[in-house]
C-alpha atoms as a PDB file:
ATOM      1  CA  ARG A   1     116.183 102.367  95.586  1.00  0.00           C
ATOM      2  CA  ALA A   2     112.708 103.344  93.733  1.00  0.00           C
ATOM      3  CA  LYS A   3     110.755 104.403  97.026  1.00  0.00           C
ATOM      4  CA  GLU A   4     114.238 106.246  98.074  1.00  0.00           C
ATOM      5  CA  PHE A   5     114.166 108.102  94.710  1.00  0.00           C
ATOM      6  CA  LEU A   6     110.421 109.155  94.302  1.00  0.00           C
ATOM      7  CA  ARG A   7     111.671 110.453  98.005  1.00  0.00           C
ATOM      8  CA  LEU A   8     113.958 112.809  96.909  1.00  0.00           C
ATOM      9  CA  ILE A   9     112.268 114.030  94.427  1.00  0.00           C
ATOM     10  CA  ALA A  10     108.945 114.994  96.628  1.00  0.00           C
ATOM     11  CA  SER A  11     111.701 116.339  99.334  1.00  0.00           C
ATOM     12  CA  LEU A  12     113.291 118.673  96.621  1.00  0.00           C
ATOM     13  CA  GLY A  13     110.387 120.728  96.095  1.00  0.00           C
ATOM     14  CA  PRO A  14     107.438 122.157  93.537  1.00  0.00           C
ATOM     15  CA  ALA A  15     110.297 122.121  90.370  1.00  0.00           C
ATOM     16  CA  PHE A  16     110.737 118.225  90.980  1.00  0.00           C
ATOM     17  CA  VAL A  17     107.968 117.025  91.388  1.00  0.00           C
ATOM     18  CA  LYS A  18     106.864 118.359  88.450  1.00  0.00           C
ATOM     19  CA  ALA A  19     109.877 116.910  86.337  1.00  0.00           C
ATOM     20  CA  GLY A  20     109.325 114.017  88.235  1.00  0.00           C
ATOM     21  CA  GLN A  21     105.519 113.815  87.520  1.00  0.00           C
ATOM     22  CA  ALA A  22     106.627 114.584  83.130  1.00  0.00           C
ATOM     23  CA  LEU A  23     109.546 111.172  83.920  1.00  0.00           C
ATOM     24  CA  SER A  24     107.116 109.354  85.527  1.00  0.00           C
ATOM     25  CA  SER A  25     105.730 108.403  81.638  1.00  0.00           C
ATOM     26  CA  ARG A  26     108.548 108.167  80.141  1.00  0.00           C
ATOM     27  CA  PRO A  27     109.548 104.748  80.203  1.00  0.00           C
ATOM     28  CA  ASP A  28     113.154 105.326  77.230  1.00  0.00           C
ATOM     29  CA  LEU A  29     114.080 107.144  80.259  1.00  0.00           C
ATOM     30  CA  LEU A  30     113.626 105.052  83.732  1.00  0.00           C
ATOM     31  CA  PRO A  31     113.196 101.161  84.675  1.00  0.00           C
ATOM     32  CA  PRO A  32     109.773 100.313  85.026  1.00  0.00           C
ATOM     33  CA  GLU A  33     110.027  99.747  89.392  1.00  0.00           C
ATOM     34  CA  TYR A  34     110.743 103.818  88.893  1.00  0.00           C
ATOM     35  CA  LEU A  35     108.460 104.696  86.150  1.00  0.00           C
ATOM     36  CA  ALA A  36     105.715 103.168  88.812  1.00  0.00           C
ATOM     37  CA  GLU A  37     107.249 104.629  92.137  1.00  0.00           C
ATOM     38  CA  LEU A  38     107.361 108.569  90.110  1.00  0.00           C
ATOM     39  CA  GLN A  39     103.255 107.920  88.712  1.00  0.00           C
ATOM     40  CA  ASN A  40     102.009 108.669  92.995  1.00  0.00           C
ATOM     41  CA  LEU A  41     103.822 111.917  91.346  1.00  0.00           C
ATOM     42  CA  GLN A  42     100.997 112.404  89.716  1.00  0.00           C
ATOM     43  CA  ASP A  43      97.747 112.055  92.596  1.00  0.00           C
ATOM     44  CA  ARG A  44      99.186 111.314  95.924  1.00  0.00           C
ATOM     45  CA  LEU A  45     101.513 113.760  96.853  1.00  0.00           C
ATOM     46  CA  PRO A  46     101.373 114.877 101.262  1.00  0.00           C
ATOM     47  CA  PRO A  47      99.818 118.112 102.051  1.00  0.00           C
ATOM     48  CA  PHE A  48     102.307 120.834 103.345  1.00  0.00           C
ATOM     49  CA  ASP A  49     101.240 122.499 106.727  1.00  0.00           C
ATOM     50  CA  SER A  50      97.901 124.366 106.581  1.00  0.00           C
ATOM     51  CA  GLU A  51      99.737 126.810 108.629  1.00  0.00           C
ATOM     52  CA  VAL A  52     101.428 127.711 105.648  1.00  0.00           C
ATOM     53  CA  ALA A  53      99.360 127.660 103.101  1.00  0.00           C
ATOM     54  CA  PHE A  54      96.867 129.908 104.851  1.00  0.00           C
ATOM     55  CA  ALA A  55      99.664 132.537 105.507  1.00  0.00           C
ATOM     56  CA  GLN A  56     100.799 132.759 101.802  1.00  0.00           C
ATOM     57  CA  ILE A  57      97.019 132.934 101.342  1.00  0.00           C
ATOM     58  CA  GLU A  58      96.789 135.737 103.741  1.00  0.00           C
ATOM     59  CA  LYS A  59     100.320 137.586 102.538  1.00  0.00           C
ATOM     60  CA  GLN A  60      99.023 137.255  99.104  1.00  0.00           C
ATOM     61  CA  LEU A  61      94.853 138.496  99.426  1.00  0.00           C
ATOM     62  CA  GLY A  62      95.860 141.351 101.955  1.00  0.00           C
ATOM     63  CA  ALA A  63      93.677 139.760 105.145  1.00  0.00           C
ATOM     64  CA  ARG A  64      92.726 137.049 107.282  1.00  0.00           C
ATOM     65  CA  VAL A  65      91.844 133.574 105.621  1.00  0.00           C
ATOM     66  CA  THR A  66      88.251 133.677 107.802  1.00  0.00           C
ATOM     67  CA  ASP A  67      87.601 137.337 106.668  1.00  0.00           C
ATOM     68  CA  LEU A  68      88.147 136.031 103.282  1.00  0.00           C
ATOM     69  CA  PHE A  69      85.957 133.142 103.353  1.00  0.00           C
ATOM     70  CA  ALA A  70      82.910 131.989 104.391  1.00  0.00           C
ATOM     71  CA  SER A  71      83.793 128.208 105.518  1.00  0.00           C
ATOM     72  CA  ILE A  72      86.970 126.784 104.913  1.00  0.00           C
ATOM     73  CA  GLY A  73      88.640 123.236 106.157  1.00  0.00           C
ATOM     74  CA  LYS A  74      91.550 122.873 108.998  1.00  0.00           C
ATOM     75  CA  THR A  75      92.607 119.909 106.330  1.00  0.00           C
ATOM     76  CA  PRO A  76      93.120 120.221 102.436  1.00  0.00           C
ATOM     77  CA  VAL A  77      90.934 117.798  99.947  1.00  0.00           C
ATOM     78  CA  ALA A  78      93.301 117.347  97.945  1.00  0.00           C
ATOM     79  CA  ALA A  79      97.018 118.521  97.455  1.00  0.00           C
ATOM     80  CA  ALA A  80      99.140 118.526  94.434  1.00  0.00           C
ATOM     81  CA  SER A  81     102.912 119.838  93.133  1.00  0.00           C
ATOM     82  CA  ILE A  82     102.728 123.401  93.449  1.00  0.00           C
ATOM     83  CA  GLY A  83      99.373 124.446  95.563  1.00  0.00           C
ATOM     84  CA  GLN A  84      96.543 122.579  97.365  1.00  0.00           C
ATOM     85  CA  VAL A  85      92.797 122.548  97.595  1.00  0.00           C
ATOM     86  CA  TYR A  86      90.559 123.409 100.512  1.00  0.00           C
END
C-alpha cells in the first residue's frame, strides 16, 4: 500500500509532491514503510516530457530554446517537484 500511496502522490502534481516530501520526515504521522516510500519524493522523481518543458520555456521567455541557449540536452539531468534541470 505504501508504494501505491507514493504513486498516487506523485501523480497528483507538484503541490502534492511537496506535501509528500514534508510527510516523509514525520514519523509521528505515518508508519515507517510509508516514510521510506515518501522519501523517494526527495530525489527520485521521474522527469516530465522535455517537449512540455521546452514549450513552457519558449512561452515564458518568448523565444525558441535553440535561440536562448548555446546548448541544451533533450534529457534532463535532474527532476524535482517543481522543475527539472537540463
